[in-house]
């Protein structure tokens, strides 16, 4: 489990904090998959653009898919 954080703690965090946590604790491949981008394209984004893409992707995904990604994140 990444830093001992729970799925419930992540789900209760404000979205901006979750995005920052994802940026700090996941691989570029994971972030690219969340945004439905190629890893090389995702890595070419500026940090602000990457955060915007993650925010947009999270806001469009179902609760179930979001939960699945968070579970994968804490298991990374």
N, C-alpha and C. Protein backbone atom coordinates (compact mmCIF):
# COMPACT_ATOMS: atom_id res chain seq x y z
N UNK A 1 0.85 -1.18 0.00
CA UNK A 1 0.00 0.00 0.00
C UNK A 1 0.89 1.24 0.00
N UNK A 2 0.62 2.14 -0.88
CA UNK A 2 1.41 3.36 -1.05
C UNK A 2 1.29 4.25 0.19
N UNK A 3 2.38 4.44 0.91
CA UNK A 3 2.43 5.31 2.08
C UNK A 3 1.38 4.97 3.14
N UNK A 4 0.81 3.79 3.10
CA UNK A 4 -0.17 3.40 4.09
C UNK A 4 -1.50 4.12 3.96
N UNK A 5 -1.76 4.75 2.84
CA UNK A 5 -3.03 5.47 2.65
C UNK A 5 -4.12 4.48 2.25
N UNK A 6 -5.32 4.74 2.70
CA UNK A 6 -6.44 3.85 2.37
C UNK A 6 -7.26 4.42 1.22
N UNK A 7 -8.01 3.54 0.61
CA UNK A 7 -8.93 3.95 -0.46
C UNK A 7 -9.91 5.00 0.07
N UNK A 8 -10.33 4.83 1.32
CA UNK A 8 -11.33 5.74 1.89
C UNK A 8 -10.72 7.13 2.10
N UNK A 9 -9.46 7.17 2.52
CA UNK A 9 -8.80 8.47 2.69
C UNK A 9 -8.69 9.19 1.34
N UNK A 10 -8.31 8.45 0.31
CA UNK A 10 -8.21 9.05 -1.02
C UNK A 10 -9.56 9.56 -1.51
N UNK A 11 -10.60 8.78 -1.29
CA UNK A 11 -11.93 9.18 -1.79
C UNK A 11 -12.47 10.41 -1.05
N UNK A 12 -12.01 10.63 0.18
CA UNK A 12 -12.47 11.79 0.94
C UNK A 12 -11.66 13.05 0.67
N UNK A 13 -10.49 12.88 0.04
CA UNK A 13 -9.64 14.04 -0.26
C UNK A 13 -10.28 14.91 -1.33
N UNK A 14 -10.02 16.22 -1.27
CA UNK A 14 -10.43 17.07 -2.39
C UNK A 14 -9.71 16.61 -3.67
N UNK A 15 -10.36 16.80 -4.80
CA UNK A 15 -9.83 16.32 -6.07
C UNK A 15 -8.41 16.81 -6.33
N UNK A 16 -8.12 18.07 -6.03
CA UNK A 16 -6.78 18.60 -6.27
C UNK A 16 -5.73 17.82 -5.49
N UNK A 17 -6.04 17.45 -4.26
CA UNK A 17 -5.09 16.66 -3.46
C UNK A 17 -4.92 15.26 -4.04
N UNK A 18 -5.99 14.67 -4.52
CA UNK A 18 -5.90 13.34 -5.14
C UNK A 18 -5.01 13.42 -6.37
N UNK A 19 -5.19 14.45 -7.18
CA UNK A 19 -4.38 14.61 -8.39
C UNK A 19 -2.91 14.78 -8.02
N UNK A 20 -2.63 15.56 -7.00
CA UNK A 20 -1.24 15.72 -6.55
C UNK A 20 -0.69 14.39 -6.05
N UNK A 21 -1.49 13.64 -5.31
CA UNK A 21 -1.06 12.34 -4.80
C UNK A 21 -0.76 11.39 -5.96
N UNK A 22 -1.63 11.37 -6.95
CA UNK A 22 -1.41 10.53 -8.13
C UNK A 22 -0.10 10.93 -8.80
N UNK A 23 0.12 12.22 -8.97
CA UNK A 23 1.35 12.70 -9.60
C UNK A 23 2.61 12.30 -8.86
N UNK A 24 2.52 12.24 -7.55
CA UNK A 24 3.69 11.92 -6.73
C UNK A 24 3.90 10.43 -6.51
N UNK A 25 2.84 9.63 -6.59
CA UNK A 25 2.93 8.24 -6.18
C UNK A 25 2.60 7.22 -7.27
N UNK A 26 2.52 7.67 -8.50
CA UNK A 26 2.22 6.71 -9.57
C UNK A 26 3.18 6.91 -10.73
N UNK A 27 3.21 5.91 -11.57
CA UNK A 27 4.09 5.95 -12.74
C UNK A 27 3.46 6.77 -13.87
N UNK A 28 4.28 7.24 -14.79
CA UNK A 28 3.72 7.92 -15.97
C UNK A 28 2.77 7.01 -16.75
N UNK A 29 3.06 5.71 -16.78
CA UNK A 29 2.17 4.77 -17.46
C UNK A 29 0.78 4.77 -16.82
N UNK A 30 0.73 4.74 -15.50
CA UNK A 30 -0.54 4.76 -14.78
C UNK A 30 -1.32 6.04 -15.10
N UNK A 31 -0.64 7.18 -15.03
CA UNK A 31 -1.30 8.46 -15.31
C UNK A 31 -1.77 8.54 -16.76
N UNK A 32 -0.98 8.02 -17.67
CA UNK A 32 -1.38 8.01 -19.09
C UNK A 32 -2.62 7.15 -19.29
N UNK A 33 -2.66 6.00 -18.63
CA UNK A 33 -3.84 5.13 -18.75
C UNK A 33 -5.08 5.82 -18.19
N UNK A 34 -4.92 6.54 -17.09
CA UNK A 34 -6.07 7.26 -16.51
C UNK A 34 -6.63 8.29 -17.48
N UNK A 35 -5.75 8.88 -18.28
CA UNK A 35 -6.17 9.94 -19.21
C UNK A 35 -6.40 9.43 -20.63
N UNK A 36 -6.29 8.12 -20.81
CA UNK A 36 -6.46 7.50 -22.14
C UNK A 36 -5.50 8.09 -23.17
N UNK A 37 -4.25 8.28 -22.75
CA UNK A 37 -3.21 8.81 -23.64
C UNK A 37 -2.07 7.81 -23.75
N UNK A 38 -1.28 7.98 -24.79
CA UNK A 38 -0.04 7.23 -24.89
C UNK A 38 0.91 7.79 -23.83
N UNK A 39 1.73 6.91 -23.25
CA UNK A 39 2.65 7.36 -22.20
C UNK A 39 3.58 8.47 -22.69
N UNK A 40 4.10 8.34 -23.89
CA UNK A 40 5.02 9.36 -24.42
C UNK A 40 4.32 10.71 -24.59
N UNK A 41 3.06 10.68 -25.02
CA UNK A 41 2.30 11.93 -25.15
C UNK A 41 2.04 12.55 -23.78
N UNK A 42 1.71 11.71 -22.81
CA UNK A 42 1.45 12.21 -21.47
C UNK A 42 2.72 12.83 -20.88
N UNK A 43 3.85 12.16 -21.07
CA UNK A 43 5.12 12.66 -20.53
C UNK A 43 5.54 13.98 -21.18
N UNK A 44 5.05 14.26 -22.39
CA UNK A 44 5.39 15.50 -23.08
C UNK A 44 4.61 16.70 -22.54
N UNK A 45 3.57 16.46 -21.75
CA UNK A 45 2.78 17.54 -21.18
C UNK A 45 3.55 18.26 -20.08
N UNK A 46 3.24 19.53 -19.91
CA UNK A 46 3.79 20.26 -18.76
C UNK A 46 3.08 19.74 -17.50
N UNK A 47 3.64 19.97 -16.32
CA UNK A 47 2.96 19.52 -15.10
C UNK A 47 1.54 20.07 -14.97
N UNK A 48 1.33 21.32 -15.34
CA UNK A 48 -0.02 21.90 -15.27
C UNK A 48 -0.97 21.22 -16.25
N UNK A 49 -0.48 20.95 -17.47
CA UNK A 49 -1.31 20.27 -18.46
C UNK A 49 -1.65 18.86 -17.99
N UNK A 50 -0.68 18.18 -17.40
CA UNK A 50 -0.91 16.82 -16.90
C UNK A 50 -1.98 16.82 -15.81
N UNK A 51 -1.90 17.79 -14.90
CA UNK A 51 -2.92 17.90 -13.86
C UNK A 51 -4.29 18.17 -14.46
N UNK A 52 -4.35 19.05 -15.46
CA UNK A 52 -5.62 19.34 -16.12
C UNK A 52 -6.20 18.10 -16.78
N UNK A 53 -5.35 17.33 -17.45
CA UNK A 53 -5.80 16.10 -18.11
C UNK A 53 -6.32 15.10 -17.09
N UNK A 54 -5.60 14.95 -15.98
CA UNK A 54 -6.06 14.03 -14.93
C UNK A 54 -7.39 14.49 -14.35
N UNK A 55 -7.51 15.79 -14.08
CA UNK A 55 -8.76 16.33 -13.53
C UNK A 55 -9.92 16.07 -14.49
N UNK A 56 -9.71 16.34 -15.77
CA UNK A 56 -10.76 16.11 -16.76
C UNK A 56 -11.13 14.64 -16.85
N UNK A 57 -10.13 13.77 -16.86
CA UNK A 57 -10.38 12.33 -16.97
C UNK A 57 -11.15 11.82 -15.76
N UNK A 58 -10.74 12.24 -14.57
CA UNK A 58 -11.42 11.79 -13.35
C UNK A 58 -12.85 12.29 -13.33
N UNK A 59 -13.08 13.52 -13.75
CA UNK A 59 -14.44 14.07 -13.71
C UNK A 59 -15.38 13.35 -14.68
N UNK A 60 -14.82 12.71 -15.71
CA UNK A 60 -15.66 12.02 -16.69
C UNK A 60 -15.83 10.53 -16.40
N UNK A 61 -14.99 9.96 -15.53
CA UNK A 61 -15.08 8.51 -15.34
C UNK A 61 -16.13 8.15 -14.30
N UNK A 62 -16.63 6.93 -14.45
CA UNK A 62 -17.63 6.44 -13.50
C UNK A 62 -17.00 6.26 -12.12
N UNK A 63 -17.83 6.23 -11.12
CA UNK A 63 -17.36 6.02 -9.75
C UNK A 63 -16.63 4.68 -9.63
N UNK A 64 -17.16 3.67 -10.31
CA UNK A 64 -16.54 2.34 -10.26
C UNK A 64 -15.14 2.35 -10.88
N UNK A 65 -15.01 2.99 -12.03
CA UNK A 65 -13.71 3.06 -12.69
C UNK A 65 -12.72 3.87 -11.85
N UNK A 66 -13.18 4.97 -11.28
CA UNK A 66 -12.33 5.80 -10.41
C UNK A 66 -11.84 4.98 -9.21
N UNK A 67 -12.74 4.24 -8.60
CA UNK A 67 -12.38 3.38 -7.47
C UNK A 67 -11.36 2.34 -7.89
N UNK A 68 -11.56 1.73 -9.05
CA UNK A 68 -10.60 0.74 -9.55
C UNK A 68 -9.21 1.34 -9.71
N UNK A 69 -9.13 2.55 -10.27
CA UNK A 69 -7.84 3.21 -10.43
C UNK A 69 -7.20 3.51 -9.07
N UNK A 70 -8.00 3.97 -8.11
CA UNK A 70 -7.46 4.27 -6.79
C UNK A 70 -6.95 3.00 -6.11
N UNK A 71 -7.69 1.91 -6.26
CA UNK A 71 -7.24 0.64 -5.68
C UNK A 71 -5.92 0.20 -6.31
N UNK A 72 -5.82 0.36 -7.61
CA UNK A 72 -4.56 0.02 -8.30
C UNK A 72 -3.43 0.93 -7.79
N UNK A 73 -3.73 2.19 -7.59
CA UNK A 73 -2.73 3.15 -7.12
C UNK A 73 -2.18 2.75 -5.76
N UNK A 74 -3.04 2.40 -4.83
CA UNK A 74 -2.54 2.08 -3.49
C UNK A 74 -1.83 0.74 -3.45
N UNK A 75 -2.04 -0.08 -4.48
CA UNK A 75 -1.34 -1.36 -4.57
C UNK A 75 -0.03 -1.25 -5.32
N UNK A 76 0.24 -0.10 -5.98
CA UNK A 76 1.48 0.07 -6.77
C UNK A 76 2.70 0.03 -5.90
